[in-house]
Protein backbone atom coordinates (compact mmCIF):
# COMPACT_ATOMS: atom_id res chain seq x y z
CA MET A 1 -30.78 51.11 43.91
CA VAL A 2 -27.72 49.86 45.78
CA ASP A 3 -28.38 47.08 48.28
CA GLN A 4 -25.82 45.14 50.30
CA VAL A 5 -27.34 41.67 50.06
CA GLY A 6 -24.77 39.50 51.82
CA THR A 7 -21.27 38.15 52.23
CA VAL A 8 -19.37 35.48 50.32
CA VAL A 9 -19.05 32.44 52.57
CA ALA A 10 -17.80 29.86 50.05
CA LEU A 11 -16.12 29.68 46.66
CA TRP A 12 -16.02 26.48 44.61
CA ARG A 13 -14.37 25.50 41.37
CA PHE A 14 -14.66 22.15 39.65
CA PRO A 15 -11.49 21.42 37.64
CA VAL A 16 -13.03 18.36 35.93
CA LYS A 17 -16.66 18.44 34.86
CA SER A 18 -18.94 16.22 36.99
CA MET A 19 -16.24 15.41 39.55
CA LEU A 20 -16.00 16.80 43.07
CA GLY A 21 -14.18 20.11 43.19
CA GLU A 22 -12.15 22.25 45.55
CA GLU A 23 -13.18 24.99 47.95
CA LEU A 24 -11.22 28.24 47.71
CA ASP A 25 -10.44 31.27 49.83
CA VAL A 26 -9.67 33.51 46.83
CA THR A 27 -9.96 33.21 43.07
CA GLU A 28 -9.42 35.11 39.86
CA VAL A 29 -12.60 35.69 37.88
CA SER A 30 -12.73 36.51 34.18
CA SER A 31 -15.30 36.35 31.39
CA SER A 32 -14.70 32.59 31.49
CA GLY A 33 -15.75 32.37 35.14
CA LEU A 34 -13.55 31.25 38.03
CA ALA A 35 -10.02 30.50 36.86
CA GLY A 36 -9.81 26.77 36.18
CA ASP A 37 -13.51 26.02 36.59
CA ARG A 38 -14.62 23.13 34.35
CA ALA A 39 -11.21 23.30 32.63
CA TYR A 40 -11.22 19.55 31.93
CA ALA A 41 -13.80 16.92 31.11
CA LEU A 42 -13.88 13.27 30.16
CA ILE A 43 -14.95 12.31 26.65
CA ASP A 44 -16.61 8.96 25.96
CA ALA A 45 -14.37 7.34 23.36
CA THR A 46 -17.29 5.40 21.86
CA THR A 47 -19.90 8.14 21.48
CA GLY A 48 -17.76 11.29 21.50
CA LYS A 49 -20.10 12.77 24.12
CA VAL A 50 -18.94 14.57 27.24
CA VAL A 51 -19.10 12.36 30.32
CA SER A 52 -21.63 13.77 32.76
CA ALA A 53 -23.10 12.65 36.07
CA LYS A 54 -26.40 13.84 34.58
CA ASN A 55 -26.40 10.29 33.17
CA PRO A 56 -26.08 8.35 36.44
CA ARG A 57 -26.98 5.08 34.74
CA LEU A 58 -23.87 5.14 32.57
CA TRP A 59 -21.58 7.16 34.85
CA PRO A 60 -22.66 6.36 38.43
CA ASN A 61 -19.20 6.90 39.93
CA MET A 62 -18.29 10.38 38.71
CA LEU A 63 -19.16 12.08 42.01
CA GLY A 64 -16.88 9.62 43.75
CA CYS A 65 -13.88 11.26 42.07
CA ARG A 66 -12.25 14.48 43.26
CA ALA A 67 -10.13 16.77 41.10
CA ARG A 68 -7.62 19.35 42.35
CA PHE A 69 -5.10 21.48 40.50
CA LEU A 70 -1.44 20.76 41.19
CA GLU A 71 -0.82 24.52 41.17
CA PRO A 72 -3.16 27.53 41.02
CA PRO A 73 -4.67 28.20 37.58
CA HIS A 74 -4.72 31.72 36.15
CA ALA A 75 -7.27 33.39 33.93
CA GLY A 76 -6.35 33.37 30.26
CA GLU A 77 -3.59 30.77 30.69
CA LYS A 78 -3.42 27.08 29.87
CA PRO A 79 -4.75 25.18 32.90
CA PRO A 80 -2.14 23.35 34.97
CA PRO A 81 -2.37 19.58 35.50
CA VAL A 82 -4.94 18.17 37.89
CA ARG A 83 -4.77 15.30 40.33
CA ILE A 84 -7.82 13.03 40.24
CA THR A 85 -8.40 10.95 43.36
CA LEU A 86 -10.63 7.87 43.07
CA PRO A 87 -12.95 6.63 45.83
CA ASP A 88 -10.41 4.06 47.04
CA GLY A 89 -7.81 6.78 47.57
CA THR A 90 -5.65 6.02 44.53
CA SER A 91 -4.89 8.96 42.28
CA VAL A 92 -3.57 9.89 38.88
CA THR A 93 -2.47 13.23 37.43
CA SER A 94 -3.66 14.49 34.08
CA ASP A 95 -0.12 14.68 32.71
CA GLU A 96 0.67 11.03 33.40
CA PRO A 97 0.76 8.90 30.22
CA ASP A 98 -1.61 6.28 31.63
CA ALA A 99 -4.20 8.74 32.98
CA ASP A 100 -6.83 7.78 30.39
CA THR A 101 -6.27 4.09 31.08
CA VAL A 102 -6.62 4.51 34.85
CA LEU A 103 -9.85 6.47 34.46
CA SER A 104 -11.24 4.09 31.85
CA ASP A 105 -10.55 1.09 34.06
CA PHE A 106 -12.27 2.76 37.01
CA LEU A 107 -15.34 3.80 35.05
CA GLY A 108 -15.60 0.56 33.08
CA ARG A 109 -15.76 2.38 29.76
CA LYS A 110 -13.07 3.90 27.57
CA VAL A 111 -12.67 7.63 28.13
CA ARG A 112 -10.10 10.34 27.51
CA LEU A 113 -9.39 13.43 29.56
CA ALA A 114 -9.72 16.58 27.45
CA ARG A 115 -9.01 20.30 27.89
CA ALA A 116 -11.19 21.46 24.97
CA ALA A 117 -14.78 20.56 24.23
CA PRO A 118 -15.82 19.06 20.89
CA ALA A 119 -17.58 21.42 18.51
CA ASP A 120 -20.93 19.66 19.04
CA LEU A 121 -20.88 19.54 22.84
CA THR A 122 -23.44 16.89 23.74
CA ILE A 123 -24.35 14.98 26.89
CA ASP A 124 -26.96 12.43 27.88
CA GLN A 125 -29.21 13.73 30.65
CA TYR A 126 -31.53 11.57 32.73
CA HIS A 127 -34.87 13.07 33.72
CA PRO A 128 -36.16 11.44 36.93
CA ASP A 129 -39.76 10.37 37.30
CA LEU A 130 -40.84 13.55 39.08
CA ASP A 131 -43.83 15.75 38.46
CA GLY A 132 -43.06 19.28 37.27
CA LEU A 133 -39.40 18.67 36.53
CA ASP A 134 -39.42 19.25 32.78
CA PRO A 135 -41.85 21.53 30.89
CA VAL A 136 -41.71 19.21 27.87
CA GLY A 137 -42.83 16.34 30.08
CA HIS A 138 -39.81 14.02 30.06
CA ARG A 139 -40.03 11.54 32.95
CA ASP A 140 -37.84 8.54 33.74
CA THR A 141 -36.07 8.91 30.41
CA MET A 142 -32.68 9.78 28.94
CA VAL A 143 -32.46 12.78 26.64
CA GLU A 144 -29.56 13.81 24.43
CA ALA A 145 -28.85 17.47 25.02
CA ARG A 146 -26.48 20.05 23.61
CA ILE A 147 -24.81 22.26 26.18
CA GLY A 148 -22.48 25.25 26.17
CA SER A 149 -21.89 27.03 22.88
CA ALA A 150 -23.49 24.13 21.00
CA PHE A 151 -26.79 24.76 22.79
CA PHE A 152 -26.74 28.46 21.96
CA ALA A 153 -25.89 27.73 18.32
CA GLU A 154 -28.83 25.32 18.17
CA VAL A 155 -31.30 27.89 19.50
CA GLY A 156 -29.80 30.76 17.49
CA ARG A 157 -28.61 32.88 20.41
CA PRO A 158 -25.18 34.40 21.12
CA SER A 159 -23.13 32.15 23.37
CA PRO A 160 -21.88 33.54 26.71
CA VAL A 161 -19.23 30.81 26.87
CA PRO A 162 -16.33 30.02 24.49
CA GLU A 163 -16.72 27.21 21.96
CA SER A 164 -14.07 25.09 23.66
CA SER A 165 -15.48 25.36 27.20
CA PHE A 166 -17.31 22.64 29.14
CA PHE A 167 -19.90 24.86 30.85
CA ASP A 168 -23.52 23.78 30.67
CA LEU A 169 -24.85 27.25 29.90
CA PHE A 170 -23.13 30.16 31.65
CA PRO A 171 -19.68 30.73 33.14
CA LEU A 172 -20.70 31.64 36.70
CA SER A 173 -23.30 30.50 39.22
CA VAL A 174 -24.42 31.98 42.54
CA LEU A 175 -26.50 30.51 45.38
CA THR A 176 -27.65 32.04 48.65
CA THR A 177 -27.86 30.63 52.14
CA SER A 178 -31.47 31.87 52.23
CA THR A 179 -32.36 29.41 49.49
CA LEU A 180 -30.57 26.59 51.30
CA GLN A 181 -32.36 27.42 54.54
CA ARG A 182 -35.75 27.60 52.83
CA LEU A 183 -35.16 24.17 51.31
CA ARG A 184 -34.26 22.79 54.73
CA GLU A 185 -37.56 24.14 56.06
CA LEU A 186 -39.52 22.63 53.18
CA ALA A 187 -37.67 19.29 53.24
CA PRO A 188 -36.71 18.72 56.88
CA HIS A 189 -35.86 15.06 56.35
CA SER A 190 -33.41 15.75 53.50
CA ARG A 191 -29.72 16.61 53.75
CA VAL A 192 -29.76 19.99 52.02
CA ASN A 193 -26.18 21.09 51.47
CA GLU A 194 -24.50 23.54 49.10
CA ARG A 195 -22.39 20.71 47.64
CA ARG A 196 -25.47 19.21 45.97
CA PHE A 197 -25.80 22.26 43.75
CA ARG A 198 -22.19 22.64 42.53
CA MET A 199 -22.30 26.43 42.53
CA ASN A 200 -19.31 28.75 42.26
CA VAL A 201 -20.26 31.43 44.78
CA ILE A 202 -22.27 30.97 47.97
CA VAL A 203 -23.55 34.23 49.47
CA ALA A 204 -24.75 34.42 53.08
CA THR A 205 -27.99 36.39 53.04
CA THR A 206 -30.53 37.37 55.69
CA GLY A 207 -33.65 37.43 53.51
CA TRP A 208 -36.31 34.72 53.59
CA GLY A 209 -36.94 32.32 50.73
CA PHE A 210 -35.42 32.06 47.28
CA VAL A 211 -34.06 35.60 47.42
CA GLU A 212 -31.82 35.43 44.36
CA ASN A 213 -34.91 35.12 42.15
CA SER A 214 -35.24 38.90 42.61
CA TRP A 215 -31.67 39.48 41.43
CA LEU A 216 -32.45 38.70 37.78
CA ASP A 217 -31.46 41.45 35.35
CA HIS A 218 -29.44 43.21 38.07
CA ARG A 219 -25.70 43.69 38.52
CA LEU A 220 -24.03 42.05 41.50
CA VAL A 221 -20.73 43.51 42.69
CA ILE A 222 -18.52 41.16 44.69
CA GLY A 223 -15.08 42.41 45.64
CA ASP A 224 -13.86 44.18 42.52
CA VAL A 225 -15.84 41.89 40.18
CA ASP A 226 -19.04 43.00 38.47
CA ILE A 227 -21.37 40.23 37.38
CA ASP A 228 -24.70 40.45 35.58
CA VAL A 229 -27.37 38.05 36.80
CA VAL A 230 -29.08 36.71 33.70
CA LEU A 231 -31.07 33.54 34.35
CA PRO A 232 -32.44 31.28 37.09
CA ASP A 233 -30.45 28.06 37.40
CA PRO A 234 -32.67 25.09 36.46
CA ARG A 235 -31.83 22.02 38.52
CA CYS A 236 -31.39 18.44 37.38
CA VAL A 237 -30.80 14.90 38.61
CA MET A 238 -27.34 15.79 39.94
CA THR A 239 -28.89 17.47 43.00
CA THR A 240 -30.31 14.06 43.99
CA LEU A 241 -27.12 11.99 43.71
CA ALA A 242 -25.05 10.66 46.58
CA GLN A 243 -21.67 12.28 47.16
CA GLU A 244 -19.35 11.87 50.11
CA ASP A 245 -21.61 11.87 53.21
CA LEU A 246 -24.71 13.08 51.32
CA PRO A 247 -27.14 10.26 50.47
CA HIS A 248 -29.14 9.80 47.30
CA ASP A 249 -32.31 11.86 47.74
CA THR A 250 -34.87 12.68 45.05
CA ASN A 251 -36.85 14.77 47.53
CA VAL A 252 -34.42 17.68 47.14
CA LEU A 253 -35.38 18.07 43.50
CA ARG A 254 -39.04 17.25 44.15
CA THR A 255 -39.19 20.06 46.71
CA LEU A 256 -37.82 22.58 44.22
CA ALA A 257 -40.34 21.42 41.62
CA ARG A 258 -43.15 22.08 44.10
CA HIS A 259 -41.98 25.35 45.59
CA ASN A 260 -39.66 27.19 43.16
CA ARG A 261 -40.71 26.32 39.64
CA ILE A 262 -40.11 29.46 37.60
CA GLY A 263 -39.69 30.57 34.01
CA VAL A 264 -36.27 30.13 32.41
CA GLY A 265 -35.51 32.05 29.23
CA GLY A 266 -38.96 31.64 27.74
CA ASP A 267 -38.53 27.86 27.62
CA GLY A 268 -41.10 27.03 30.30
CA LEU A 269 -41.14 26.47 34.05
CA PHE A 270 -38.26 24.63 35.74
CA PRO A 271 -37.36 23.84 39.35
CA CYS A 272 -34.62 26.35 40.14
CA ALA A 273 -32.12 27.13 42.85
CA GLY A 274 -29.59 29.90 42.42
CA VAL A 275 -28.80 32.00 39.39
CA TYR A 276 -26.52 32.02 36.38
CA ALA A 277 -24.40 35.08 35.66
CA VAL A 278 -21.88 36.56 33.24
CA VAL A 279 -18.84 38.58 34.21
CA ALA A 280 -19.02 42.26 33.24
CA SER A 281 -15.77 43.30 34.93
CA PRO A 282 -13.06 40.76 35.86
CA GLY A 283 -11.06 40.75 39.06
CA ILE A 284 -10.62 38.90 42.34
CA ILE A 285 -13.25 37.45 44.67
CA ARG A 286 -12.37 36.46 48.23
CA ARG A 287 -14.26 34.66 50.94
CA GLY A 288 -15.66 37.41 53.14
CA ASP A 289 -16.25 39.90 50.32
CA GLN A 290 -19.47 41.87 50.46
CA ALA A 291 -22.07 41.31 47.73
CA VAL A 292 -23.85 44.46 46.59
CA LEU A 293 -26.82 44.49 44.22
CA ASN A 294 -27.24 47.41 41.79
């Protein structure tokens, strides 16, 4: 089966984990995902954990910061410096000697900007008080969670991401406009926008509903890049948080829990939007490229 499923309408990379990212017209893609994606993260100097907006109680201002590379990153190379702009418009670059101090002062807690994840990559993740969000039943509670290669080591599975990376689970994520439109239909009073989901590739599709659910275990060819769709993308509190002109809104996540709660890797049912993927053949993806499902 070969099926042209849509066209790439947006590409996003996030140079610093849990900060706002940058929209692209073209990007290199390798086994590590989009060049420069999640290349940096903040580390809590007290706990050693990765700073994540998944803990909005401790880090409520992360989505007020925007990170951009000073020059284009390239796959397989050391990432170039980034400029981090704070909500008041002031900025600091990652290669400035006082970068950690500026960021610590803004966040009210001592942090350091890192290019490599600790061996035991751990975050604190808040589970909102929503029905159907977590198959274990966590509600209105904070849970310590391993992510990236540390998660896969814990569950005894091969890791699709390098040990030093800051990815949650997989190196690439894809979302369709059909899913966004279906959510707008189901939650007409919410501001449903692609930015809430922090995906790498947005594909304009004509199908109805959560169409990428049917892409699991298939190969998606975009430009000259082959990617294998491996898992639904379970959503978390970050989809509910305010950013730029988007207000705080728990109904976005509640709607997914009601209407697209599906199995993820044998670990139970989760509210999902979009899919995770791994790169089978590296190359270049451009806005406007066709997406073909094999």
